[in-house]
Amino acid sequence: MTLQDLVNKNIFSISNLGDNLNLPVVGPYCCDLLSIAMGKAPAGSAWVTVMGNINTIAVASLTEVACIILAEGASLDDTAKMKAKDQNITVLSTEKPIFEAALSVYQLLNA
């Protein structure tokens, strides 16, 4: 499944649409501790977190995740939204808890 396929499912709201929509999504990754995510988030993963700040965008860029999914109603702050646009990082959002958001991605990948 590509990131475009995930976006097209309309199960997540779009906070920022990057130019990386042809990337394959390899699986969900859940972590709110940025230092751990920086070292362990797999490239191509859909990173599910509640952290919507500029540091999250920086970690996403470094780890080459396919996208960020902000769970539990979290949103990007203004600085992070500008940085996501500048770096063309796709950020999706949902009201679902982290586990349910990640499970949605997992189920789509394994359907």
C-alpha atoms as a PDB file:
ATOM      1  CA  MET A   1       0.000   0.000   0.000  1.00  0.00           C
ATOM      2  CA  THR A   2       1.300   3.433  -0.850  1.00  0.00           C
ATOM      3  CA  LEU A   3       0.795   6.549   1.190  1.00  0.00           C
ATOM      4  CA  GLN A   4      -1.625   7.724  -1.517  1.00  0.00           C
ATOM      5  CA  ASP A   5      -3.664   4.543  -0.974  1.00  0.00           C
ATOM      6  CA  LEU A   6      -3.777   5.249   2.763  1.00  0.00           C
ATOM      7  CA  VAL A   7      -4.898   8.840   2.178  1.00  0.00           C
ATOM      8  CA  ASN A   8      -7.553   7.661  -0.287  1.00  0.00           C
ATOM      9  CA  LYS A   9      -9.146   5.408   2.361  1.00  0.00           C
ATOM     10  CA  ASN A  10     -10.433   8.599   4.074  1.00  0.00           C
ATOM     11  CA  ILE A  11     -10.086   7.133   7.561  1.00  0.00           C
ATOM     12  CA  PHE A  12      -7.753   9.943   8.636  1.00  0.00           C
ATOM     13  CA  SER A  13      -8.058  13.711   8.203  1.00  0.00           C
ATOM     14  CA  ILE A  14      -5.326  15.473   6.271  1.00  0.00           C
ATOM     15  CA  SER A  15      -3.325  18.041   8.233  1.00  0.00           C
ATOM     16  CA  ASN A  16      -0.638  18.416   5.591  1.00  0.00           C
ATOM     17  CA  LEU A  17      -0.256  16.624   2.280  1.00  0.00           C
ATOM     18  CA  GLY A  18       3.366  16.160   1.321  1.00  0.00           C
ATOM     19  CA  ASP A  19       4.792  15.265  -2.065  1.00  0.00           C
ATOM     20  CA  ASN A  20       5.801  11.758  -0.966  1.00  0.00           C
ATOM     21  CA  LEU A  21       2.514  10.009  -1.748  1.00  0.00           C
ATOM     22  CA  ASN A  22       4.136   7.280  -3.836  1.00  0.00           C
ATOM     23  CA  LEU A  23       6.043   5.931  -0.821  1.00  0.00           C
ATOM     24  CA  PRO A  24       5.118   2.442   0.331  1.00  0.00           C
ATOM     25  CA  VAL A  25       3.740   2.228   3.870  1.00  0.00           C
ATOM     26  CA  VAL A  26       5.475  -0.713   5.576  1.00  0.00           C
ATOM     27  CA  GLY A  27       3.511  -0.703   8.826  1.00  0.00           C
ATOM     28  CA  PRO A  28       2.448   1.381  11.784  1.00  0.00           C
ATOM     29  CA  TYR A  29       4.910   2.573  14.427  1.00  0.00           C
ATOM     30  CA  CYS A  30       3.703   3.937  17.782  1.00  0.00           C
ATOM     31  CA  CYS A  31       5.873   6.125  19.983  1.00  0.00           C
ATOM     32  CA  ASP A  32       5.541   9.452  21.780  1.00  0.00           C
ATOM     33  CA  LEU A  33       9.103   9.672  23.047  1.00  0.00           C
ATOM     34  CA  LEU A  34      10.921  11.487  20.254  1.00  0.00           C
ATOM     35  CA  SER A  35      14.400  10.243  21.169  1.00  0.00           C
ATOM     36  CA  ILE A  36      13.234   6.627  20.887  1.00  0.00           C
ATOM     37  CA  ALA A  37      11.343   7.280  17.665  1.00  0.00           C
ATOM     38  CA  MET A  38      14.454   8.903  16.223  1.00  0.00           C
ATOM     39  CA  GLY A  39      16.431   5.712  16.732  1.00  0.00           C
ATOM     40  CA  LYS A  40      13.778   3.092  16.069  1.00  0.00           C
ATOM     41  CA  ALA A  41      11.061   4.326  13.701  1.00  0.00           C
ATOM     42  CA  PRO A  42      11.350   2.253  10.527  1.00  0.00           C
ATOM     43  CA  ALA A  43      11.648   4.111   7.246  1.00  0.00           C
ATOM     44  CA  GLY A  44       8.341   3.920   5.441  1.00  0.00           C
ATOM     45  CA  SER A  45       6.271   3.482   8.583  1.00  0.00           C
ATOM     46  CA  ALA A  46       3.115   5.369   9.478  1.00  0.00           C
ATOM     47  CA  TRP A  47       4.243   6.937  12.757  1.00  0.00           C
ATOM     48  CA  VAL A  48       1.339   7.281  15.182  1.00  0.00           C
ATOM     49  CA  THR A  49       1.854   9.809  17.976  1.00  0.00           C
ATOM     50  CA  VAL A  50       0.170  12.603  19.914  1.00  0.00           C
ATOM     51  CA  MET A  51       3.172  14.926  19.585  1.00  0.00           C
ATOM     52  CA  GLY A  52       2.330  17.718  17.150  1.00  0.00           C
ATOM     53  CA  ASN A  53       5.326  19.991  17.486  1.00  0.00           C
ATOM     54  CA  ILE A  54       8.264  20.973  15.293  1.00  0.00           C
ATOM     55  CA  ASN A  55      10.492  18.308  16.846  1.00  0.00           C
ATOM     56  CA  THR A  56       8.113  15.626  15.574  1.00  0.00           C
ATOM     57  CA  ILE A  57       8.557  16.972  12.052  1.00  0.00           C
ATOM     58  CA  ALA A  58      12.340  16.899  12.472  1.00  0.00           C
ATOM     59  CA  VAL A  59      12.281  13.277  13.654  1.00  0.00           C
ATOM     60  CA  ALA A  60       9.988  12.301  10.772  1.00  0.00           C
ATOM     61  CA  SER A  61      12.446  13.841   8.344  1.00  0.00           C
ATOM     62  CA  LEU A  62      15.439  12.087   9.899  1.00  0.00           C
ATOM     63  CA  THR A  63      13.805   8.669  10.079  1.00  0.00           C
ATOM     64  CA  GLU A  64      12.142   8.873   6.654  1.00  0.00           C
ATOM     65  CA  VAL A  65       8.768   7.652   7.915  1.00  0.00           C
ATOM     66  CA  ALA A  66       6.071   7.653   5.245  1.00  0.00           C
ATOM     67  CA  CYS A  67       3.814   9.901   7.313  1.00  0.00           C
ATOM     68  CA  ILE A  68       2.860  11.064  10.767  1.00  0.00           C
ATOM     69  CA  ILE A  69      -0.582  10.200  12.121  1.00  0.00           C
ATOM     70  CA  LEU A  70      -1.601  12.419  15.014  1.00  0.00           C
ATOM     71  CA  ALA A  71      -3.965  10.439  17.236  1.00  0.00           C
ATOM     72  CA  GLU A  72      -6.384  11.293  20.047  1.00  0.00           C
ATOM     73  CA  GLY A  73      -7.346  14.638  18.526  1.00  0.00           C
ATOM     74  CA  ALA A  74      -3.794  15.995  18.599  1.00  0.00           C
ATOM     75  CA  SER A  75      -2.930  18.614  16.003  1.00  0.00           C
ATOM     76  CA  LEU A  76       0.119  20.361  14.637  1.00  0.00           C
ATOM     77  CA  ASP A  77       1.002  23.664  16.218  1.00  0.00           C
ATOM     78  CA  ASP A  78       1.496  26.537  13.757  1.00  0.00           C
ATOM     79  CA  THR A  79       5.292  26.233  13.640  1.00  0.00           C
ATOM     80  CA  ALA A  80       5.107  22.483  13.028  1.00  0.00           C
ATOM     81  CA  LYS A  81       2.506  22.928  10.291  1.00  0.00           C
ATOM     82  CA  MET A  82       4.751  25.408   8.471  1.00  0.00           C
ATOM     83  CA  LYS A  83       7.743  23.050   8.816  1.00  0.00           C
ATOM     84  CA  ALA A  84       5.717  20.074   7.552  1.00  0.00           C
ATOM     85  CA  LYS A  85       4.762  22.124   4.487  1.00  0.00           C
ATOM     86  CA  ASP A  86       8.381  23.233   3.962  1.00  0.00           C
ATOM     87  CA  GLN A  87       9.658  19.651   4.213  1.00  0.00           C
ATOM     88  CA  ASN A  88       6.746  18.074   2.314  1.00  0.00           C
ATOM     89  CA  ILE A  89       5.870  15.692   5.135  1.00  0.00           C
ATOM     90  CA  THR A  90       2.422  14.155   5.082  1.00  0.00           C
ATOM     91  CA  VAL A  91       0.620  14.531   8.406  1.00  0.00           C
ATOM     92  CA  LEU A  92      -2.721  12.866   9.015  1.00  0.00           C
ATOM     93  CA  SER A  93      -4.904  13.083  12.098  1.00  0.00           C
ATOM     94  CA  THR A  94      -7.664  11.227  13.902  1.00  0.00           C
ATOM     95  CA  GLU A  95      -9.689  11.261  17.078  1.00  0.00           C
ATOM     96  CA  LYS A  96      -8.933   7.553  17.540  1.00  0.00           C
ATOM     97  CA  PRO A  97      -6.602   6.449  20.347  1.00  0.00           C
ATOM     98  CA  ILE A  98      -3.063   5.596  19.284  1.00  0.00           C
ATOM     99  CA  PHE A  99      -3.641   1.834  19.334  1.00  0.00           C
ATOM    100  CA  GLU A 100      -6.803   2.032  17.228  1.00  0.00           C
ATOM    101  CA  ALA A 101      -5.157   4.348  14.692  1.00  0.00           C
ATOM    102  CA  ALA A 102      -2.207   1.974  14.360  1.00  0.00           C
ATOM    103  CA  LEU A 103      -4.561  -1.019  14.159  1.00  0.00           C
ATOM    104  CA  SER A 104      -6.414   0.673  11.289  1.00  0.00           C
ATOM    105  CA  VAL A 105      -3.154   0.957   9.329  1.00  0.00           C
ATOM    106  CA  TYR A 106      -2.194  -2.619  10.194  1.00  0.00           C
ATOM    107  CA  GLN A 107      -5.569  -3.969   9.068  1.00  0.00           C
ATOM    108  CA  LEU A 108      -5.375  -2.101   5.763  1.00  0.00           C
ATOM    109  CA  LEU A 109      -1.909  -3.511   5.120  1.00  0.00           C
ATOM    110  CA  ASN A 110      -2.993  -7.044   5.952  1.00  0.00           C
ATOM    111  CA  ALA A 111      -6.440  -7.128   4.338  1.00  0.00           C
END
